[in-house]
N, C-alpha and C. Protein backbone atom coordinates (compact mmCIF):
# COMPACT_ATOMS: atom_id res chain seq x y z
N MET A 1 0.84 -1.15 0.08
CA MET A 1 0.09 0.12 -0.02
C MET A 1 0.88 1.03 -0.10
N THR A 2 0.23 2.34 -0.65
CA THR A 2 1.26 3.67 -0.64
C THR A 2 0.42 4.54 -0.48
N MET A 3 1.88 5.46 0.45
CA MET A 3 0.96 6.52 1.24
C MET A 3 1.25 7.50 0.35
N THR A 4 0.21 8.84 0.70
CA THR A 4 0.37 9.65 -0.05
C THR A 4 0.33 10.75 0.75
N TYR A 5 1.38 12.11 0.46
CA TYR A 5 1.27 12.64 1.40
C TYR A 5 0.74 14.60 0.50
N ALA A 6 0.75 15.23 1.69
CA ALA A 6 0.36 16.83 1.13
C ALA A 6 1.20 17.21 0.41
N GLN A 7 1.07 18.08 -0.73
CA GLN A 7 2.20 18.96 -1.25
C GLN A 7 2.83 19.44 -0.17
N PRO A 8 4.04 20.11 0.08
CA PRO A 8 4.38 21.24 0.80
C PRO A 8 4.11 22.70 0.38
N LEU A 9 3.79 23.66 1.11
CA LEU A 9 3.79 24.67 0.80
C LEU A 9 4.77 25.45 0.49
N THR A 10 4.23 25.77 -1.15
CA THR A 10 5.66 26.33 -1.43
C THR A 10 5.52 27.83 -1.61
N ARG A 11 4.36 28.99 -1.44
CA ARG A 11 4.44 30.23 -0.89
C ARG A 11 4.21 30.24 0.41
N ARG A 12 5.33 31.35 0.50
CA ARG A 12 5.56 31.84 1.77
C ARG A 12 4.83 33.00 1.81
N TYR A 13 4.36 33.23 3.22
CA TYR A 13 3.88 34.85 3.34
C TYR A 13 4.43 35.88 3.97
N THR A 14 4.32 36.72 4.16
CA THR A 14 5.47 37.55 5.36
C THR A 14 4.15 38.35 6.13
N ARG A 15 4.17 38.63 7.30
CA ARG A 15 4.02 38.84 8.12
C ARG A 15 3.34 40.58 7.82
N ALA A 16 3.64 40.99 7.02
CA ALA A 16 3.45 42.28 6.82
C ALA A 16 2.48 42.00 5.53
N ARG A 17 2.59 41.36 5.04
CA ARG A 17 1.85 41.25 3.47
C ARG A 17 0.59 40.55 4.57
N LEU A 18 0.49 40.13 4.92
CA LEU A 18 -0.72 39.17 5.59
C LEU A 18 -2.06 40.42 6.26
N ALA A 19 -0.85 41.05 7.26
CA ALA A 19 -1.87 41.81 7.98
C ALA A 19 -2.22 43.06 7.65
N VAL A 20 -2.51 44.14 6.16
CA VAL A 20 -2.09 45.05 6.07
C VAL A 20 -3.86 44.57 4.98
N PRO A 21 -3.90 43.83 4.23
CA PRO A 21 -5.28 43.93 3.80
C PRO A 21 -6.49 43.69 4.67
N ALA A 22 -6.04 42.49 5.79
CA ALA A 22 -6.58 42.13 6.72
C ALA A 22 -7.19 43.71 7.42
N LEU A 23 -6.31 44.54 7.42
CA LEU A 23 -7.24 45.57 8.41
C LEU A 23 -7.55 46.48 7.71
N TRP A 24 -7.62 46.73 6.00
CA TRP A 24 -8.13 47.67 5.32
C TRP A 24 -9.66 46.72 5.00
N ARG A 25 -9.92 45.11 5.34
CA ARG A 25 -10.69 44.51 5.08
C ARG A 25 -11.94 45.15 6.38
N GLN A 26 -11.42 45.34 7.52
CA GLN A 26 -11.76 45.98 8.58
C GLN A 26 -12.26 47.29 8.31
N VAL A 27 -11.46 48.19 7.83
CA VAL A 27 -12.02 49.70 7.37
C VAL A 27 -13.09 50.07 6.70
N ILE A 28 -12.74 49.18 5.50
CA ILE A 28 -13.57 49.30 4.03
C ILE A 28 -14.96 48.83 4.30
N ARG A 29 -14.71 47.59 4.94
CA ARG A 29 -16.15 46.47 4.42
C ARG A 29 -16.65 47.06 5.87
N THR A 30 -16.46 47.07 7.21
CA THR A 30 -17.19 47.24 8.02
C THR A 30 -18.04 48.81 8.06
N GLY A 31 -17.58 49.60 7.91
CA GLY A 31 -18.80 50.37 7.84
C GLY A 31 -19.07 51.32 9.27
N ASP A 32 -19.95 50.93 9.36
CA ASP A 32 -20.33 51.31 10.47
C ASP A 32 -20.08 50.82 12.04
N ARG A 33 -20.50 49.48 11.50
CA ARG A 33 -20.15 48.84 12.90
C ARG A 33 -19.32 48.55 13.45
N ARG A 34 -20.22 48.16 15.11
CA ARG A 34 -19.38 48.77 16.13
C ARG A 34 -18.60 47.34 16.73
N GLU A 35 -17.04 47.54 17.28
CA GLU A 35 -16.86 46.37 17.92
C GLU A 35 -16.84 45.96 18.97
N GLN A 36 -17.23 45.05 19.65
CA GLN A 36 -17.44 44.88 21.30
C GLN A 36 -15.74 45.07 22.17
N PRO A 37 -15.81 45.67 22.69
CA PRO A 37 -14.67 45.94 23.90
C PRO A 37 -14.41 45.10 24.09
N THR A 38 -12.63 45.37 24.15
CA THR A 38 -12.11 44.09 25.27
C THR A 38 -11.50 44.42 26.28
N THR A 39 -11.01 43.75 27.18
CA THR A 39 -10.62 44.03 28.60
C THR A 39 -8.81 44.12 28.36
N GLU A 40 -8.73 43.25 27.51
CA GLU A 40 -7.24 43.36 27.21
C GLU A 40 -6.60 44.02 25.98
N PRO A 41 -5.20 44.96 26.45
CA PRO A 41 -5.24 45.59 25.22
C PRO A 41 -4.95 44.93 24.05
N ASP A 42 -4.55 45.01 22.97
CA ASP A 42 -4.34 44.17 21.99
C ASP A 42 -3.52 45.25 21.19
N ARG A 43 -2.44 44.26 21.25
CA ARG A 43 -0.87 44.92 20.59
C ARG A 43 -1.23 45.26 19.21
N SER A 44 -1.95 44.48 18.34
CA SER A 44 -2.06 44.67 16.85
C SER A 44 -2.50 46.14 16.97
N ALA A 45 -3.47 46.39 18.17
CA ALA A 45 -3.88 47.68 17.96
C ALA A 45 -3.05 48.62 17.53
N TYR A 46 -1.83 49.17 18.07
CA TYR A 46 -0.72 49.91 18.07
C TYR A 46 -0.12 49.70 16.59
N THR A 47 -0.31 48.80 16.05
CA THR A 47 0.39 48.76 14.27
C THR A 47 -0.62 49.49 13.64
N GLN A 48 -1.87 49.04 14.27
CA GLN A 48 -3.11 49.66 13.14
C GLN A 48 -3.09 51.07 13.22
N LEU A 49 -2.88 51.94 14.41
CA LEU A 49 -3.24 53.24 14.31
C LEU A 49 -2.03 53.97 14.15
N GLU A 50 -0.91 53.13 14.10
CA GLU A 50 0.53 53.14 13.27
C GLU A 50 0.72 53.38 11.41
N ILE A 51 -0.43 52.57 10.87
CA ILE A 51 -1.16 52.52 9.77
C ILE A 51 -1.85 53.61 9.35
N TYR A 52 -2.65 53.73 10.06
CA TYR A 52 -3.63 54.83 10.04
C TYR A 52 -3.56 56.25 10.11
N ASP A 53 -2.36 56.69 11.36
CA ASP A 53 -1.60 58.19 10.90
C ASP A 53 -1.03 58.71 9.77
N GLY A 54 -0.02 57.28 9.86
CA GLY A 54 0.29 57.56 8.23
C GLY A 54 -0.59 57.66 6.93
N VAL A 55 -1.05 56.95 6.80
CA VAL A 55 -2.42 57.23 5.67
C VAL A 55 -2.98 58.76 6.11
N LEU A 56 -3.28 58.74 7.03
CA LEU A 56 -4.41 60.09 7.46
C LEU A 56 -3.63 61.19 6.95
N ALA A 57 -2.08 61.40 7.25
CA ALA A 57 -1.28 62.15 6.93
C ALA A 57 -0.67 62.20 5.39
N ALA A 58 -0.61 61.40 5.04
CA ALA A 58 -0.87 60.77 3.11
C ALA A 58 -2.04 61.56 2.50
N PHE A 59 -2.94 61.56 3.16
CA PHE A 59 -4.21 62.16 2.51
C PHE A 59 -4.04 63.66 2.62
N GLU A 60 -3.57 64.34 3.05
CA GLU A 60 -3.44 65.53 3.07
C GLU A 60 -2.80 65.74 1.90
N ARG A 61 -1.82 65.33 1.45
CA ARG A 61 -0.70 65.28 0.05
C ARG A 61 -0.78 64.39 -1.01
N ARG A 62 -2.61 64.22 -1.01
CA ARG A 62 -2.84 62.95 -2.08
C ARG A 62 -2.47 62.79 -3.70
N ASP A 63 -2.01 64.49 -3.67
CA ASP A 63 -2.03 64.77 -5.29
C ASP A 63 0.07 64.54 -5.29
N GLU A 64 0.33 64.51 -4.37
CA GLU A 64 2.07 64.40 -4.26
C GLU A 64 1.74 62.86 -4.33
N VAL A 65 1.24 61.88 -3.44
CA VAL A 65 0.87 60.33 -3.07
C VAL A 65 0.66 59.93 -4.68
N ALA A 66 -0.40 60.59 -5.27
CA ALA A 66 -0.71 59.78 -6.56
C ALA A 66 0.25 60.23 -7.43
N ALA A 67 1.19 61.24 -8.04
CA ALA A 67 2.02 61.42 -8.75
C ALA A 67 3.10 60.30 -8.59
N VAL A 68 3.24 60.20 -7.06
CA VAL A 68 4.88 59.11 -7.11
C VAL A 68 4.43 57.79 -7.28
N LEU A 69 2.91 57.17 -6.97
CA LEU A 69 2.56 56.17 -7.78
C LEU A 69 2.02 55.68 -8.97
N ARG A 70 2.01 56.79 -9.54
CA ARG A 70 1.86 57.20 -11.74
C ARG A 70 3.67 56.76 -12.01
N ALA A 71 4.60 57.16 -11.38
CA ALA A 71 5.86 57.67 -11.51
C ALA A 71 5.97 56.54 -11.47
N SER A 72 6.24 55.32 -10.49
CA SER A 72 6.70 54.16 -10.44
C SER A 72 6.47 53.01 -11.14
N ALA A 73 7.47 52.62 -11.40
CA ALA A 73 7.15 51.32 -12.43
C ALA A 73 6.38 50.21 -11.59
N ASP A 74 6.78 50.05 -10.71
CA ASP A 74 6.03 48.50 -10.04
C ASP A 74 6.09 48.95 -8.41
N ARG A 75 5.42 47.69 -7.86
CA ARG A 75 5.08 47.70 -6.36
C ARG A 75 6.17 48.28 -5.20
N ALA A 76 7.18 47.43 -5.75
CA ALA A 76 8.24 47.61 -4.57
C ALA A 76 9.07 49.35 -4.65
N THR A 77 9.51 50.09 -5.98
CA THR A 77 9.69 51.14 -6.32
C THR A 77 8.50 52.04 -5.90
N ALA A 78 7.28 51.78 -5.84
CA ALA A 78 6.65 52.57 -5.29
C ALA A 78 6.65 52.48 -3.66
N VAL A 79 6.59 51.61 -3.05
CA VAL A 79 7.13 51.39 -1.59
C VAL A 79 7.87 52.35 -1.24
N ARG A 80 9.28 52.34 -1.99
CA ARG A 80 10.29 52.94 -1.54
C ARG A 80 10.34 54.02 -1.72
N ARG A 81 9.82 54.90 -2.58
CA ARG A 81 9.44 56.13 -3.29
C ARG A 81 8.55 56.72 -2.43
N LEU A 82 7.74 56.08 -1.66
CA LEU A 82 6.71 56.70 -0.90
C LEU A 82 7.11 56.64 0.89
N ARG A 83 8.51 55.48 1.14
CA ARG A 83 8.95 55.65 2.44
C ARG A 83 9.89 56.64 2.23
N ASP A 84 10.53 56.75 1.41
CA ASP A 84 11.86 58.35 0.83
C ASP A 84 10.95 59.05 0.99
N GLU A 85 10.14 59.92 0.45
CA GLU A 85 9.80 61.04 0.17
C GLU A 85 8.67 61.92 1.20
N PHE A 86 8.09 60.69 1.79
CA PHE A 86 6.79 60.96 2.71
C PHE A 86 7.35 60.29 4.51
N GLY A 87 8.11 59.89 4.38
CA GLY A 87 9.03 59.17 5.88
C GLY A 87 7.86 58.40 6.12
N LEU A 88 7.71 57.41 5.45
CA LEU A 88 6.23 56.40 6.17
C LEU A 88 7.21 54.94 6.37
N SER A 89 6.81 54.35 7.44
CA SER A 89 6.90 53.16 7.06
C SER A 89 6.84 51.92 5.92
N HIS A 90 7.35 50.93 5.93
CA HIS A 90 7.12 50.21 4.98
C HIS A 90 5.54 49.52 5.06
N LEU A 91 4.89 49.26 6.42
CA LEU A 91 3.58 48.86 6.43
C LEU A 91 2.41 50.14 5.96
N GLN A 92 2.77 51.39 6.67
CA GLN A 92 2.31 52.06 5.93
C GLN A 92 2.12 52.90 4.51
N ALA A 93 3.31 52.72 3.71
CA ALA A 93 3.48 52.96 2.40
C ALA A 93 2.50 51.74 2.03
N THR A 94 2.92 50.68 2.35
CA THR A 94 1.81 49.26 1.33
C THR A 94 0.59 49.53 1.96
N ALA A 95 -0.19 50.32 3.02
CA ALA A 95 -1.25 50.38 2.80
C ALA A 95 -2.12 51.47 1.99
N LEU A 96 -1.00 52.35 1.92
CA LEU A 96 -1.36 53.56 1.35
C LEU A 96 -1.65 53.39 -0.13
N ILE A 97 -0.85 52.30 -0.98
CA ILE A 97 -0.66 51.63 -1.75
C ILE A 97 -2.28 50.45 -2.51
N ASP A 98 -2.48 50.06 -1.34
CA ASP A 98 -3.55 49.18 -1.22
C ASP A 98 -4.82 49.70 -1.26
N LEU A 99 -5.20 51.32 -0.66
CA LEU A 99 -6.32 51.55 -0.26
C LEU A 99 -6.28 52.63 -1.37
N PRO A 100 -8.14 52.97 -1.61
CA PRO A 100 -8.73 53.67 -2.80
C PRO A 100 -8.50 55.64 -2.36
N LEU A 101 -7.70 56.38 -2.40
CA LEU A 101 -7.97 57.43 -2.05
C LEU A 101 -9.08 58.31 -1.90
N THR A 102 -10.29 58.19 -1.62
CA THR A 102 -11.42 58.68 -1.36
C THR A 102 -11.79 59.14 0.16
N THR A 103 -12.45 60.35 0.09
CA THR A 103 -13.03 60.76 1.01
C THR A 103 -14.05 60.00 2.05
N GLU A 104 -14.66 59.03 1.43
CA GLU A 104 -14.95 58.47 2.40
C GLU A 104 -14.40 57.16 2.79
N CYS A 105 -13.65 56.82 2.65
CA CYS A 105 -12.31 55.90 3.05
C CYS A 105 -11.39 56.85 4.39
N ARG A 106 -10.97 57.71 3.79
CA ARG A 106 -10.74 59.01 4.43
C ARG A 106 -11.22 58.82 5.78
N ASP A 107 -12.67 59.33 5.63
CA ASP A 107 -13.71 59.52 7.10
C ASP A 107 -13.47 58.07 7.78
N ARG A 108 -13.76 57.31 7.30
CA ARG A 108 -13.78 56.26 7.71
C ARG A 108 -12.66 55.83 8.78
N ILE A 109 -11.39 55.70 8.13
CA ILE A 109 -9.60 55.32 8.84
C ILE A 109 -9.64 56.42 9.98
N ALA A 110 -10.11 57.40 9.61
CA ALA A 110 -9.94 58.57 10.63
C ALA A 110 -10.57 58.52 12.14
N HIS A 111 -12.15 57.89 11.92
CA HIS A 111 -13.30 57.30 13.10
C HIS A 111 -12.52 55.87 13.51
N ARG A 112 -12.07 55.11 12.71
CA ARG A 112 -11.62 53.92 13.19
C ARG A 112 -10.24 54.24 14.29
N ALA A 113 -9.54 55.51 13.84
CA ALA A 113 -7.97 55.52 14.47
C ALA A 113 -8.52 56.26 15.60
N GLU A 114 -9.70 57.33 15.66
CA GLU A 114 -10.06 57.81 17.06
C GLU A 114 -10.55 56.85 18.03
N GLU A 115 -11.11 55.35 17.19
CA GLU A 115 -11.62 54.65 18.61
C GLU A 115 -10.82 53.80 18.70
N LEU A 116 -9.70 53.85 17.96
CA LEU A 116 -8.29 53.01 18.46
C LEU A 116 -7.52 53.93 20.11
N ARG A 117 -7.55 55.28 19.64
CA ARG A 117 -7.01 56.11 20.54
C ARG A 117 -7.47 56.27 21.42
N THR A 118 -8.80 56.30 21.87
CA THR A 118 -9.51 56.07 22.85
C THR A 118 -9.45 54.76 23.94
N ALA A 119 -9.57 53.88 23.19
CA ALA A 119 -9.38 52.67 23.37
C ALA A 119 -7.82 52.35 24.49
N LEU A 120 -6.99 52.83 23.51
CA LEU A 120 -5.39 52.61 24.04
C LEU A 120 -5.42 53.79 25.59
N GLU A 121 -5.83 55.01 25.15
CA GLU A 121 -6.24 55.95 26.11
C GLU A 121 -6.08 55.09 27.72
N ARG A 122 -7.35 54.22 27.82
CA ARG A 122 -7.61 53.59 28.91
C ARG A 122 -7.08 52.86 29.61
């Protein structure tokens, strides 16, 4: 009798790559839904707040951000140029590339950032 084994995973995901789309799903799709507050502080809340602050700062200069994105040949170049020109972290730059630059999205991010700030201040 021959035993068969599952094929090994060949695609390796980085932590930063998985975190950003999950965060944007929270921001974009949840809209007005409220989450239940927890008693324990979540360490990922600090990461989320860092990303939101960088994106909100970039929204103030969205024309310059759009120009950088148009001038970049690929995603890696765009991330590097956003980090150099605007002083963003890698997570912030990656999130900014994945995000539609609309006013509605900016309002949702600002609301979520304010919720995180109040939760972290407790």
